[in-house]
C-alpha cells in the first residue's frame, strides 16, 4: 500500500511541476543537454505536459499487467506450412 501511495504521489508531483512550468512566463524550456552540460535544443513550454501523461500511461500499464499477468504472455498459434515442417 505504501508503494502505491508513493507512486501516485510521484505522478502528482510531476503534474504539479509541469503546471508550474506552464504558468511560468518563459516561452521556451530546455529539452536536451549534451554530455558537457551545453543546451542543445529548446521546445515550447507546452511540451512539458507530455511528461506526466507518459508517466501516467506507464503507471496504468504496469498496474494493469500486475493484476492480469497472463494477458502479457499470449502464445500465438504457429501455422503448419511446408517450410515450417522442414525446419522441424
N, C-alpha and C. Protein backbone atom coordinates (compact mmCIF):
# COMPACT_ATOMS: atom_id res chain seq x y z
N UNK A 1 0.83 -1.20 0.00
CA UNK A 1 0.00 0.00 0.00
C UNK A 1 0.87 1.26 0.00
N UNK A 2 1.97 1.22 0.77
CA UNK A 2 2.85 2.39 0.82
C UNK A 2 3.50 2.65 -0.53
N UNK A 3 3.82 1.56 -1.24
CA UNK A 3 4.45 1.68 -2.54
C UNK A 3 3.50 2.35 -3.54
N UNK A 4 2.21 1.98 -3.48
CA UNK A 4 1.22 2.56 -4.38
C UNK A 4 1.04 4.05 -4.10
N UNK A 5 1.00 4.42 -2.83
CA UNK A 5 0.86 5.82 -2.45
C UNK A 5 2.07 6.62 -2.91
N UNK A 6 3.24 6.05 -2.78
CA UNK A 6 4.47 6.72 -3.22
C UNK A 6 4.47 6.93 -4.74
N UNK A 7 4.03 5.93 -5.48
CA UNK A 7 3.99 6.04 -6.94
C UNK A 7 2.98 7.10 -7.39
N UNK A 8 1.81 7.09 -6.80
CA UNK A 8 0.79 8.08 -7.17
C UNK A 8 1.22 9.48 -6.77
N UNK A 9 1.86 9.62 -5.62
CA UNK A 9 2.32 10.95 -5.20
C UNK A 9 3.44 11.46 -6.11
N UNK A 10 4.28 10.56 -6.64
CA UNK A 10 5.31 10.98 -7.59
C UNK A 10 4.68 11.47 -8.88
N UNK A 11 3.65 10.81 -9.36
CA UNK A 11 2.97 11.25 -10.58
C UNK A 11 2.27 12.59 -10.35
N UNK A 12 1.66 12.76 -9.19
CA UNK A 12 1.01 14.04 -8.87
C UNK A 12 2.06 15.15 -8.81
N UNK A 13 3.22 14.85 -8.24
CA UNK A 13 4.29 15.85 -8.17
C UNK A 13 4.77 16.24 -9.57
N UNK A 14 4.86 15.27 -10.46
CA UNK A 14 5.26 15.57 -11.85
C UNK A 14 4.22 16.46 -12.50
N UNK A 15 2.92 16.19 -12.28
CA UNK A 15 1.87 17.05 -12.82
C UNK A 15 1.98 18.47 -12.27
N UNK A 16 2.25 18.60 -10.97
CA UNK A 16 2.35 19.92 -10.36
C UNK A 16 3.53 20.70 -10.94
N UNK A 17 4.68 20.04 -11.10
CA UNK A 17 5.84 20.71 -11.68
C UNK A 17 5.54 21.13 -13.12
N UNK A 18 4.87 20.28 -13.87
CA UNK A 18 4.53 20.63 -15.26
C UNK A 18 3.59 21.83 -15.32
N UNK A 19 2.61 21.87 -14.45
CA UNK A 19 1.67 23.00 -14.45
C UNK A 19 2.38 24.28 -14.03
N UNK A 20 3.26 24.19 -13.04
CA UNK A 20 4.01 25.38 -12.61
C UNK A 20 4.88 25.90 -13.76
N UNK A 21 5.51 25.00 -14.49
CA UNK A 21 6.35 25.42 -15.62
C UNK A 21 5.52 26.02 -16.75
N UNK A 22 4.31 25.55 -16.95
CA UNK A 22 3.45 26.11 -18.00
C UNK A 22 2.98 27.50 -17.60
N UNK A 23 2.67 27.70 -16.33
CA UNK A 23 2.21 29.00 -15.85
C UNK A 23 3.34 30.02 -15.85
N UNK A 24 4.57 29.53 -15.72
CA UNK A 24 5.74 30.41 -15.73
C UNK A 24 5.77 31.22 -17.03
N UNK A 25 6.40 32.38 -17.01
CA UNK A 25 6.36 33.30 -18.15
C UNK A 25 7.30 32.92 -19.29
N UNK A 26 8.19 31.96 -19.10
CA UNK A 26 9.10 31.62 -20.18
C UNK A 26 8.35 30.93 -21.31
N UNK A 27 8.71 31.28 -22.53
CA UNK A 27 8.06 30.68 -23.69
C UNK A 27 8.71 29.37 -24.12
N UNK A 28 10.00 29.21 -23.83
CA UNK A 28 10.72 28.01 -24.22
C UNK A 28 11.28 27.33 -22.98
N UNK A 29 11.36 26.00 -23.05
CA UNK A 29 12.01 25.25 -21.99
C UNK A 29 13.16 24.45 -22.63
N UNK A 30 14.12 24.07 -21.80
CA UNK A 30 15.25 23.30 -22.29
C UNK A 30 14.80 21.86 -22.49
N UNK A 31 15.06 21.35 -23.67
CA UNK A 31 14.64 19.99 -24.00
C UNK A 31 15.77 18.99 -23.81
N UNK A 32 16.98 19.41 -24.13
CA UNK A 32 18.08 18.44 -24.10
C UNK A 32 19.41 19.13 -23.79
N UNK A 33 20.23 18.44 -23.00
CA UNK A 33 21.61 18.88 -22.76
C UNK A 33 22.53 17.84 -23.35
N UNK A 34 23.74 18.26 -23.72
CA UNK A 34 24.72 17.27 -24.16
C UNK A 34 25.54 16.78 -22.98
N UNK A 35 26.55 16.00 -23.25
CA UNK A 35 27.34 15.39 -22.20
C UNK A 35 28.08 16.41 -21.33
N UNK A 36 28.42 17.54 -21.89
CA UNK A 36 29.18 18.56 -21.17
C UNK A 36 28.29 19.63 -20.53
N UNK A 37 26.98 19.48 -20.60
CA UNK A 37 26.08 20.41 -19.96
C UNK A 37 25.64 21.57 -20.82
N UNK A 38 26.00 21.54 -22.10
CA UNK A 38 25.56 22.60 -23.01
C UNK A 38 24.15 22.31 -23.49
N UNK A 39 23.36 23.35 -23.61
CA UNK A 39 21.98 23.20 -24.08
C UNK A 39 22.01 22.97 -25.58
N UNK A 40 21.36 21.87 -26.01
CA UNK A 40 21.38 21.55 -27.44
C UNK A 40 20.05 21.83 -28.13
N UNK A 41 18.94 21.85 -27.38
CA UNK A 41 17.66 22.15 -28.03
C UNK A 41 16.65 22.69 -27.02
N UNK A 42 15.74 23.49 -27.55
CA UNK A 42 14.64 24.06 -26.79
C UNK A 42 13.33 23.59 -27.41
N UNK A 43 12.26 23.74 -26.66
CA UNK A 43 10.93 23.47 -27.22
C UNK A 43 9.93 24.40 -26.53
N UNK A 44 8.71 24.38 -27.02
CA UNK A 44 7.65 25.19 -26.43
C UNK A 44 7.35 24.70 -25.02
N UNK A 45 6.91 25.59 -24.16
CA UNK A 45 6.65 25.21 -22.78
C UNK A 45 5.49 24.23 -22.65
N UNK A 46 4.66 24.11 -23.66
CA UNK A 46 3.51 23.20 -23.59
C UNK A 46 3.90 21.74 -23.82
N UNK A 47 5.10 21.49 -24.29
CA UNK A 47 5.56 20.11 -24.46
C UNK A 47 5.82 19.43 -23.12
N UNK A 48 5.96 20.19 -22.07
CA UNK A 48 6.25 19.60 -20.77
C UNK A 48 5.06 18.82 -20.22
N UNK A 49 3.87 19.03 -20.75
CA UNK A 49 2.70 18.30 -20.28
C UNK A 49 2.76 16.84 -20.72
N UNK A 50 3.59 16.52 -21.72
CA UNK A 50 3.70 15.13 -22.16
C UNK A 50 4.40 14.24 -21.13
N UNK A 51 5.28 14.79 -20.34
CA UNK A 51 6.00 14.00 -19.33
C UNK A 51 5.05 13.38 -18.30
N UNK A 52 4.16 14.14 -17.68
CA UNK A 52 3.25 13.48 -16.72
C UNK A 52 2.24 12.55 -17.40
N UNK A 53 1.87 12.87 -18.64
CA UNK A 53 0.93 11.99 -19.34
C UNK A 53 1.59 10.65 -19.64
N UNK A 54 2.84 10.68 -20.09
CA UNK A 54 3.56 9.44 -20.35
C UNK A 54 3.77 8.66 -19.05
N UNK A 55 4.08 9.35 -17.97
CA UNK A 55 4.25 8.69 -16.67
C UNK A 55 2.96 8.01 -16.22
N UNK A 56 1.85 8.68 -16.44
CA UNK A 56 0.55 8.12 -16.05
C UNK A 56 0.20 6.90 -16.91
N UNK A 57 0.50 6.94 -18.19
CA UNK A 57 0.22 5.80 -19.07
C UNK A 57 1.08 4.60 -18.67
N UNK A 58 2.36 4.83 -18.40
CA UNK A 58 3.24 3.73 -17.99
C UNK A 58 2.79 3.15 -16.66
N UNK A 59 2.40 4.01 -15.72
CA UNK A 59 1.91 3.53 -14.43
C UNK A 59 0.65 2.68 -14.62
N UNK A 60 -0.28 3.13 -15.46
CA UNK A 60 -1.51 2.39 -15.70
C UNK A 60 -1.23 1.04 -16.36
N UNK A 61 -0.29 1.00 -17.30
CA UNK A 61 0.06 -0.27 -17.94
C UNK A 61 0.67 -1.25 -16.94
N UNK A 62 1.57 -0.78 -16.09
CA UNK A 62 2.16 -1.65 -15.09
C UNK A 62 1.12 -2.17 -14.11
N UNK A 63 0.21 -1.31 -13.69
CA UNK A 63 -0.85 -1.74 -12.78
C UNK A 63 -1.76 -2.78 -13.45
N UNK A 64 -2.08 -2.57 -14.73
CA UNK A 64 -2.94 -3.50 -15.45
C UNK A 64 -2.27 -4.87 -15.57
N UNK A 65 -1.00 -4.88 -15.96
CA UNK A 65 -0.32 -6.15 -16.14
C UNK A 65 0.06 -6.81 -14.82
N UNK A 66 0.10 -6.06 -13.74
CA UNK A 66 0.31 -6.67 -12.43
C UNK A 66 -0.94 -7.42 -12.00
N UNK A 67 -2.11 -6.87 -12.33
CA UNK A 67 -3.37 -7.54 -12.00
C UNK A 67 -3.69 -8.67 -12.96
N UNK A 68 -3.26 -8.56 -14.23
CA UNK A 68 -3.56 -9.55 -15.26
C UNK A 68 -2.25 -10.02 -15.92
N UNK A 69 -1.44 -10.80 -15.24
CA UNK A 69 -0.13 -11.15 -15.80
C UNK A 69 -0.21 -12.04 -17.03
N UNK A 70 -1.28 -12.81 -17.17
CA UNK A 70 -1.37 -13.73 -18.29
C UNK A 70 -1.80 -13.04 -19.59
N UNK A 71 -2.25 -11.82 -19.52
CA UNK A 71 -2.61 -11.09 -20.73
C UNK A 71 -1.35 -10.67 -21.50
N UNK A 72 -0.23 -10.61 -20.79
CA UNK A 72 1.00 -10.15 -21.41
C UNK A 72 1.69 -11.27 -22.20
N UNK A 73 1.53 -12.50 -21.78
CA UNK A 73 2.22 -13.62 -22.40
C UNK A 73 1.26 -14.47 -23.22
N UNK A 74 0.75 -13.93 -24.28
CA UNK A 74 -0.15 -14.69 -25.13
C UNK A 74 0.68 -15.45 -26.16
N UNK A 75 0.47 -16.74 -26.21
CA UNK A 75 1.18 -17.58 -27.16
C UNK A 75 0.35 -17.64 -28.43
N UNK A 76 0.97 -17.33 -29.54
CA UNK A 76 0.25 -17.37 -30.80
C UNK A 76 0.39 -18.76 -31.42
N UNK A 77 -0.59 -19.11 -32.22
CA UNK A 77 -0.55 -20.39 -32.89
C UNK A 77 0.42 -20.31 -34.07
N UNK A 78 1.13 -21.39 -34.29
CA UNK A 78 2.06 -21.47 -35.41
C UNK A 78 1.38 -22.24 -36.53
N UNK A 79 1.35 -21.64 -37.69
CA UNK A 79 0.75 -22.32 -38.83
C UNK A 79 1.69 -23.41 -39.33
N UNK A 80 1.10 -24.51 -39.71
CA UNK A 80 1.89 -25.59 -40.27
C UNK A 80 1.97 -25.38 -41.78
N UNK A 81 3.15 -25.11 -42.23
CA UNK A 81 3.41 -24.92 -43.67
C UNK A 81 4.54 -25.85 -44.06
N UNK A 82 4.72 -26.07 -45.35
CA UNK A 82 5.85 -26.93 -45.77
C UNK A 82 7.20 -26.38 -45.31
N UNK A 83 7.36 -25.07 -45.27
CA UNK A 83 8.63 -24.51 -44.80
C UNK A 83 8.85 -24.76 -43.32
N UNK A 84 7.79 -24.67 -42.55
CA UNK A 84 7.91 -24.94 -41.10
C UNK A 84 8.23 -26.40 -40.83
N UNK A 85 7.62 -27.29 -41.55
CA UNK A 85 7.88 -28.71 -41.32
C UNK A 85 9.31 -29.09 -41.68
N UNK A 86 9.92 -28.41 -42.66
CA UNK A 86 11.32 -28.67 -42.99
C UNK A 86 12.21 -28.27 -41.83
N UNK A 87 11.88 -27.16 -41.17
CA UNK A 87 12.71 -26.70 -40.06
C UNK A 87 12.59 -27.62 -38.86
N UNK A 88 11.44 -28.22 -38.66
CA UNK A 88 11.26 -29.10 -37.51
C UNK A 88 11.79 -30.48 -37.84
